[in-house]
Amino acid sequence: MSILLATALSYAAQGLPVFPCVANSKTPACHNGFHDATTNIEQIKAWWGEADYNLAICPEHAGWAVVDEDGGELPRDGQTSGE
């Protein structure tokens, strides 16, 4: 059993729905993306039986808030650009 499958099963056992993404990618490997996220052990085993996919979750389903900052380097002096 791969570490990703083991982690997916662990998350599902804790009630956290998971879904697969293409290896080395953020692209969902399931038809409906995060809408397919599940805690169903058989579905999870079937997905990871096809390939050693990346593991993904929907933060909203987990009750998490996520801030994704891809804007490059922040100014070191704490000022925003344009000030």
C-alpha atoms as a PDB file:
ATOM      1  CA  MET A   1       0.000   0.000   0.000  1.00  0.00           C
ATOM      2  CA  SER A   2       1.408   3.375  -1.001  1.00  0.00           C
ATOM      3  CA  ILE A   3       1.833   6.160   1.536  1.00  0.00           C
ATOM      4  CA  LEU A   4      -0.704   8.245  -0.416  1.00  0.00           C
ATOM      5  CA  LEU A   5      -3.344   5.511  -0.275  1.00  0.00           C
ATOM      6  CA  ALA A   6      -2.646   4.924   3.414  1.00  0.00           C
ATOM      7  CA  THR A   7      -3.007   8.658   4.083  1.00  0.00           C
ATOM      8  CA  ALA A   8      -6.206   8.869   2.004  1.00  0.00           C
ATOM      9  CA  LEU A   9      -7.694   6.000   4.021  1.00  0.00           C
ATOM     10  CA  SER A  10      -6.613   7.619   7.281  1.00  0.00           C
ATOM     11  CA  TYR A  11      -8.214  10.940   6.313  1.00  0.00           C
ATOM     12  CA  ALA A  12     -11.409   9.157   5.263  1.00  0.00           C
ATOM     13  CA  ALA A  13     -11.520   7.268   8.568  1.00  0.00           C
ATOM     14  CA  GLN A  14     -11.425  10.660  10.293  1.00  0.00           C
ATOM     15  CA  GLY A  15     -14.383  11.840   8.201  1.00  0.00           C
ATOM     16  CA  LEU A  16     -12.380  13.946   5.763  1.00  0.00           C
ATOM     17  CA  PRO A  17     -13.499  13.406   2.129  1.00  0.00           C
ATOM     18  CA  VAL A  18     -10.630  12.887  -0.329  1.00  0.00           C
ATOM     19  CA  PHE A  19     -10.200  12.661  -4.090  1.00  0.00           C
ATOM     20  CA  PRO A  20      -7.301  11.792  -6.413  1.00  0.00           C
ATOM     21  CA  CYS A  21      -5.268  14.155  -8.550  1.00  0.00           C
ATOM     22  CA  VAL A  22      -2.952  13.226 -11.398  1.00  0.00           C
ATOM     23  CA  ALA A  23       0.544  12.371 -10.124  1.00  0.00           C
ATOM     24  CA  ASN A  24       2.770  15.440  -9.785  1.00  0.00           C
ATOM     25  CA  SER A  25      -0.194  17.679 -10.572  1.00  0.00           C
ATOM     26  CA  LYS A  26      -3.155  19.486  -9.057  1.00  0.00           C
ATOM     27  CA  THR A  27      -5.416  18.213 -11.868  1.00  0.00           C
ATOM     28  CA  PRO A  28      -8.237  16.009 -10.540  1.00  0.00           C
ATOM     29  CA  ALA A  29      -8.075  12.405 -11.715  1.00  0.00           C
ATOM     30  CA  CYS A  30     -11.799  11.889 -11.172  1.00  0.00           C
ATOM     31  CA  HIS A  31     -14.634  13.060 -13.388  1.00  0.00           C
ATOM     32  CA  ASN A  32     -16.130  15.758 -11.170  1.00  0.00           C
ATOM     33  CA  GLY A  33     -13.056  16.974  -9.324  1.00  0.00           C
ATOM     34  CA  PHE A  34     -13.625  17.946  -5.696  1.00  0.00           C
ATOM     35  CA  HIS A  35     -17.336  17.175  -6.117  1.00  0.00           C
ATOM     36  CA  ASP A  36     -16.309  13.483  -6.149  1.00  0.00           C
ATOM     37  CA  ALA A  37     -14.523  13.745  -2.779  1.00  0.00           C
ATOM     38  CA  THR A  38     -15.596  10.868  -0.556  1.00  0.00           C
ATOM     39  CA  THR A  39     -14.918   8.925   2.629  1.00  0.00           C
ATOM     40  CA  ASN A  40     -16.026   5.678   0.946  1.00  0.00           C
ATOM     41  CA  ILE A  41     -13.167   3.251   1.547  1.00  0.00           C
ATOM     42  CA  GLU A  42     -13.974   1.051  -1.474  1.00  0.00           C
ATOM     43  CA  GLN A  43     -14.022   4.048  -3.833  1.00  0.00           C
ATOM     44  CA  ILE A  44     -10.737   5.325  -2.429  1.00  0.00           C
ATOM     45  CA  LYS A  45      -9.103   1.898  -2.842  1.00  0.00           C
ATOM     46  CA  ALA A  46     -10.447   1.705  -6.416  1.00  0.00           C
ATOM     47  CA  TRP A  47      -9.011   5.115  -7.316  1.00  0.00           C
ATOM     48  CA  TRP A  48      -5.567   4.401  -5.869  1.00  0.00           C
ATOM     49  CA  GLY A  49      -5.704   0.923  -7.407  1.00  0.00           C
ATOM     50  CA  GLU A  50      -5.555   2.627 -10.822  1.00  0.00           C
ATOM     51  CA  ALA A  51      -2.427   4.708 -10.104  1.00  0.00           C
ATOM     52  CA  ASP A  52      -0.465   6.241  -7.243  1.00  0.00           C
ATOM     53  CA  TYR A  53      -2.351   9.514  -7.490  1.00  0.00           C
ATOM     54  CA  ASN A  54      -1.691  12.670  -5.533  1.00  0.00           C
ATOM     55  CA  LEU A  55      -4.034  13.078  -2.581  1.00  0.00           C
ATOM     56  CA  ALA A  56      -6.415  16.023  -2.527  1.00  0.00           C
ATOM     57  CA  ILE A  57      -9.083  17.319  -0.211  1.00  0.00           C
ATOM     58  CA  CYS A  58     -11.668  20.054  -0.466  1.00  0.00           C
ATOM     59  CA  PRO A  59     -10.761  22.502   2.306  1.00  0.00           C
ATOM     60  CA  GLU A  60     -14.385  23.628   2.637  1.00  0.00           C
ATOM     61  CA  HIS A  61     -15.505  20.027   3.320  1.00  0.00           C
ATOM     62  CA  ALA A  62     -12.795  19.836   5.989  1.00  0.00           C
ATOM     63  CA  GLY A  63     -13.963  23.054   7.636  1.00  0.00           C
ATOM     64  CA  TRP A  64     -10.653  24.704   6.760  1.00  0.00           C
ATOM     65  CA  ALA A  65      -9.904  28.138   5.361  1.00  0.00           C
ATOM     66  CA  VAL A  66      -6.954  28.352   2.961  1.00  0.00           C
ATOM     67  CA  VAL A  67      -4.956  31.351   1.800  1.00  0.00           C
ATOM     68  CA  ASP A  68      -2.956  30.643  -1.353  1.00  0.00           C
ATOM     69  CA  GLU A  69      -0.442  33.382  -2.064  1.00  0.00           C
ATOM     70  CA  ASP A  70       1.169  33.048  -5.483  1.00  0.00           C
ATOM     71  CA  GLY A  71       2.008  36.699  -6.029  1.00  0.00           C
ATOM     72  CA  GLY A  72       5.780  36.472  -5.795  1.00  0.00           C
ATOM     73  CA  GLU A  73       7.973  37.945  -3.098  1.00  0.00           C
ATOM     74  CA  LEU A  74       6.511  40.155  -0.415  1.00  0.00           C
ATOM     75  CA  PRO A  75       8.268  43.430   0.387  1.00  0.00           C
ATOM     76  CA  ARG A  76      10.664  43.002   3.310  1.00  0.00           C
ATOM     77  CA  ASP A  77       9.670  46.288   4.949  1.00  0.00           C
ATOM     78  CA  GLY A  78       6.033  45.201   5.387  1.00  0.00           C
ATOM     79  CA  GLN A  79       4.778  47.827   2.936  1.00  0.00           C
ATOM     80  CA  THR A  80       2.438  46.877   0.136  1.00  0.00           C
ATOM     81  CA  SER A  81       3.513  47.625  -3.388  1.00  0.00           C
ATOM     82  CA  GLY A  82       2.225  51.007  -4.449  1.00  0.00           C
ATOM     83  CA  GLU A  83       2.736  52.688  -1.063  1.00  0.00           C
END
